[in-house]
């Protein structure tokens, strides 16, 4: 039995075998989305670089 099926059973959720491939794909997508956050956990704390057009500053 796979990890997804075990997790569903722990939460008393009935396992529908035809749904398991879709659930695996969703978990895979979530893992891919979280990978950059593991490498750069403080990415949201960094100030982004802003390039301002000199013309904007001139007439401000």
Protein backbone atom coordinates (compact mmCIF):
# COMPACT_ATOMS: atom_id res chain seq x y z
CA UNK A 1 0.00 0.00 0.00
CA UNK A 2 1.28 3.42 -0.93
CA UNK A 3 1.78 6.47 1.27
CA UNK A 4 -1.32 8.24 -0.05
CA UNK A 5 -3.60 5.30 0.66
CA UNK A 6 -2.17 4.94 4.16
CA UNK A 7 -2.67 8.64 4.86
CA UNK A 8 -6.26 8.54 3.63
CA UNK A 9 -7.02 5.53 5.81
CA UNK A 10 -5.51 7.24 8.87
CA UNK A 11 -8.01 10.06 8.38
CA UNK A 12 -10.89 7.62 7.85
CA UNK A 13 -11.27 8.64 4.21
CA UNK A 14 -12.40 5.91 1.86
CA UNK A 15 -9.77 5.08 -0.77
CA UNK A 16 -11.08 5.20 -4.33
CA UNK A 17 -8.42 3.51 -6.42
CA UNK A 18 -9.16 5.45 -9.61
CA UNK A 19 -8.54 8.74 -7.75
CA UNK A 20 -5.11 7.76 -6.43
CA UNK A 21 -3.18 8.71 -9.62
CA UNK A 22 -4.73 12.19 -9.53
CA UNK A 23 -3.84 12.57 -5.87
CA UNK A 24 -0.25 11.52 -6.60
CA UNK A 25 -0.05 14.15 -9.33
CA UNK A 26 -1.37 16.86 -7.00
CA UNK A 27 1.14 15.91 -4.30
CA UNK A 28 3.91 16.01 -6.90
CA UNK A 29 2.89 19.50 -8.03
CA UNK A 30 2.83 20.71 -4.42
CA UNK A 31 6.31 19.26 -3.83
CA UNK A 32 7.62 21.02 -6.95
CA UNK A 33 6.13 24.33 -5.82
CA UNK A 34 7.71 24.02 -2.36
CA UNK A 35 11.20 23.12 -3.61
CA UNK A 36 12.36 26.74 -4.13
CA UNK A 37 11.17 27.66 -0.65
CA UNK A 38 13.37 24.95 0.85
CA UNK A 39 16.43 26.36 -0.93
CA UNK A 40 15.54 30.00 -0.13
CA UNK A 41 13.40 30.00 3.03
CA UNK A 42 13.73 33.76 3.56
CA UNK A 43 12.89 34.76 -0.02
CA UNK A 44 9.81 36.71 1.11
CA UNK A 45 11.89 38.79 3.52
CA UNK A 46 14.20 40.18 0.84
CA UNK A 47 13.51 43.59 -0.69
CA UNK A 48 13.18 43.34 -4.46
CA UNK A 49 15.43 45.40 -6.71
CA UNK A 50 13.57 48.29 -8.35
CA UNK A 51 14.88 49.96 -11.47
CA UNK A 52 13.48 53.45 -11.93
CA UNK A 53 13.51 55.33 -15.20
CA UNK A 54 15.56 58.55 -14.80
CA UNK A 55 12.78 60.51 -16.54
CA UNK A 56 10.41 59.55 -13.74
CA UNK A 57 12.78 60.91 -11.11
CA UNK A 58 13.39 64.09 -13.13
CA UNK A 59 9.71 65.09 -13.16
CA UNK A 60 8.78 63.82 -9.72
